[in-house]
Amino acid sequence: MRIGELASTTGVNRRLLRYYEDQGLLHPTRLANGYREYDDADVTAVRHIRALLTAGLPTAAIARLLHCVHDEDGRMVPSPCPTMIAKLRQEHSRVTGEITRLRATQHALDSMLDTALRQDGTTPSDPVPVAGNTR
């Protein structure tokens, strides 16, 4: 199949598919006329790439880990490759740290908002207008 069909089948635009190729994530066959030729394995690879991106992994890591996933009943299943386990643990730790930082930021904002509302004579339980919402 050509890149347009792969884009249509996967829902990923052509430019992004070319980017995946540039990053070493896809390896289409090149025809004599220079066109890219993809097969069903590329459809699966794109699905896996999208799932790994959704999990927060960067494309450089995905290039090293893509061989560690396979399909089982139409869904991606990670294999217990040591690099996969280490990278998933690393990403989990990064996300956990980010959540902790975001909660601290939320707490600081809550405190500032509470103080500002009290000074304004508004009670903290009154609805706060959302920026851009004039209704």
Protein backbone atom coordinates (compact mmCIF):
# COMPACT_ATOMS: atom_id res chain seq x y z
CA MET A 1 0.00 0.00 0.00
CA ARG A 2 1.12 3.57 -0.60
CA ILE A 3 1.50 6.26 2.03
CA GLY A 4 -1.99 7.69 1.36
CA GLU A 5 -3.61 4.35 2.05
CA LEU A 6 -1.53 3.87 5.20
CA ALA A 7 -2.56 7.34 6.35
CA SER A 8 -6.21 6.53 5.68
CA THR A 9 -6.01 3.12 7.36
CA THR A 10 -4.23 4.36 10.50
CA GLY A 11 -5.66 7.86 10.79
CA VAL A 12 -2.14 9.28 10.89
CA ASN A 13 -1.33 11.97 8.33
CA ARG A 14 1.32 11.49 5.64
CA ARG A 15 3.68 14.06 7.09
CA LEU A 16 3.72 12.27 10.44
CA LEU A 17 4.29 8.92 8.71
CA ARG A 18 7.31 10.42 6.94
CA TYR A 19 8.53 11.73 10.30
CA TYR A 20 8.22 8.23 11.76
CA GLU A 21 10.34 6.98 8.87
CA ASP A 22 12.93 9.72 9.48
CA GLN A 23 13.06 8.67 13.14
CA GLY A 24 13.71 5.04 12.19
CA LEU A 25 10.29 3.84 13.34
CA LEU A 26 9.01 2.75 9.92
CA HIS A 27 10.98 1.07 7.16
CA PRO A 28 8.90 1.06 3.98
CA THR A 29 10.16 -0.52 0.81
CA ARG A 30 11.17 2.03 -1.82
CA LEU A 31 9.91 1.30 -5.31
CA ALA A 32 11.97 2.09 -8.43
CA ASN A 33 9.96 5.30 -8.87
CA GLY A 34 10.83 6.39 -5.29
CA TYR A 35 7.38 5.76 -3.86
CA ARG A 36 7.11 4.22 -0.44
CA GLU A 37 5.42 0.83 -0.25
CA TYR A 38 3.92 -0.25 3.08
CA ASP A 39 2.44 -3.56 4.20
CA ASP A 40 0.18 -4.80 6.99
CA ALA A 41 3.12 -4.94 9.40
CA ASP A 42 3.49 -1.17 8.98
CA VAL A 43 -0.16 -0.67 9.94
CA THR A 44 0.54 -2.61 13.14
CA ALA A 45 3.77 -0.68 13.72
CA VAL A 46 1.94 2.66 13.43
CA ARG A 47 -0.64 1.46 15.97
CA HIS A 48 2.17 0.46 18.32
CA ILE A 49 3.99 3.76 17.80
CA ARG A 50 0.82 5.70 18.62
CA ALA A 51 0.24 3.64 21.78
CA LEU A 52 3.82 4.16 22.95
CA LEU A 53 3.60 7.90 22.22
CA THR A 54 0.37 8.04 24.22
CA ALA A 55 2.26 6.40 27.09
CA GLY A 56 4.66 9.35 26.96
CA LEU A 57 7.67 7.69 25.36
CA PRO A 58 9.74 9.85 22.99
CA THR A 59 10.32 8.64 19.43
CA ALA A 60 14.00 7.98 20.14
CA ALA A 61 13.03 5.51 22.88
CA ILE A 62 10.30 4.00 20.72
CA ALA A 63 12.86 3.29 17.99
CA ARG A 64 14.80 1.20 20.52
CA LEU A 65 11.71 -0.49 21.98
CA LEU A 66 9.42 -1.15 19.04
CA HIS A 67 10.79 -4.68 18.65
CA CYS A 68 9.70 -5.36 22.27
CA VAL A 69 5.97 -5.18 21.49
CA HIS A 70 3.68 -7.55 19.64
CA ASP A 71 0.01 -7.96 18.91
CA GLU A 72 -2.23 -10.28 20.84
CA ASP A 73 -5.90 -10.40 19.91
CA GLY A 74 -5.58 -7.07 18.10
CA ARG A 75 -3.98 -5.14 20.94
CA MET A 76 -0.42 -4.16 21.69
CA VAL A 77 1.34 -6.24 24.34
CA PRO A 78 4.79 -5.29 25.65
CA SER A 79 7.28 -8.13 25.92
CA PRO A 80 9.43 -8.40 29.03
CA CYS A 81 12.53 -7.03 27.26
CA PRO A 82 14.93 -5.55 29.84
CA THR A 83 15.10 -2.27 27.90
CA MET A 84 11.30 -2.08 27.74
CA ILE A 85 10.89 -2.66 31.46
CA ALA A 86 13.60 -0.12 32.31
CA LYS A 87 12.15 2.51 29.97
CA LEU A 88 8.59 1.98 31.23
CA ARG A 89 9.81 2.31 34.83
CA GLN A 90 11.73 5.46 33.93
CA GLU A 91 8.69 7.00 32.21
CA HIS A 92 6.42 5.98 35.11
CA SER A 93 8.79 7.69 37.54
CA ARG A 94 8.90 10.82 35.36
CA VAL A 95 5.09 11.00 35.18
CA THR A 96 4.76 10.41 38.93
CA GLY A 97 7.20 13.26 39.57
CA GLU A 98 5.29 15.53 37.20
CA ILE A 99 2.01 14.72 38.94
CA THR A 100 3.62 15.57 42.29
CA ARG A 101 4.88 18.89 40.90
CA LEU A 102 1.46 19.68 39.40
CA ARG A 103 -0.27 18.93 42.72
CA ALA A 104 2.14 21.28 44.51
CA THR A 105 1.43 23.94 41.88
CA GLN A 106 -2.31 23.39 42.30
CA HIS A 107 -1.98 23.72 46.08
CA ALA A 108 -0.02 26.98 45.72
CA LEU A 109 -2.62 28.36 43.29
CA ASP A 110 -5.46 27.32 45.60
CA SER A 111 -3.80 29.13 48.47
CA MET A 112 -3.21 32.31 46.45
CA LEU A 113 -6.73 32.23 45.06
CA ASP A 114 -8.21 31.72 48.50
CA THR A 115 -6.25 34.69 49.86
CA ALA A 116 -7.15 36.91 46.90
CA LEU A 117 -10.84 36.02 47.14
CA ARG A 118 -10.92 36.76 50.87
CA GLN A 119 -9.36 40.17 50.27
CA ASP A 120 -11.91 40.81 47.51
CA GLY A 121 -14.76 39.99 49.86
CA THR A 122 -15.70 36.91 47.86
CA THR A 123 -15.99 33.62 49.66
CA PRO A 124 -13.78 30.82 48.33
CA SER A 125 -16.88 28.74 47.55
CA ASP A 126 -18.27 31.36 45.10
CA PRO A 127 -17.83 30.36 41.47
CA VAL A 128 -14.67 31.73 39.91
CA PRO A 129 -15.08 33.16 36.39
CA VAL A 130 -13.09 31.26 33.77
CA ALA A 131 -10.89 33.37 31.49
CA GLY A 132 -12.48 33.80 28.08
CA ASN A 133 -15.92 32.77 29.38
CA THR A 134 -18.15 35.85 29.42
CA ARG A 135 -21.46 34.12 30.09
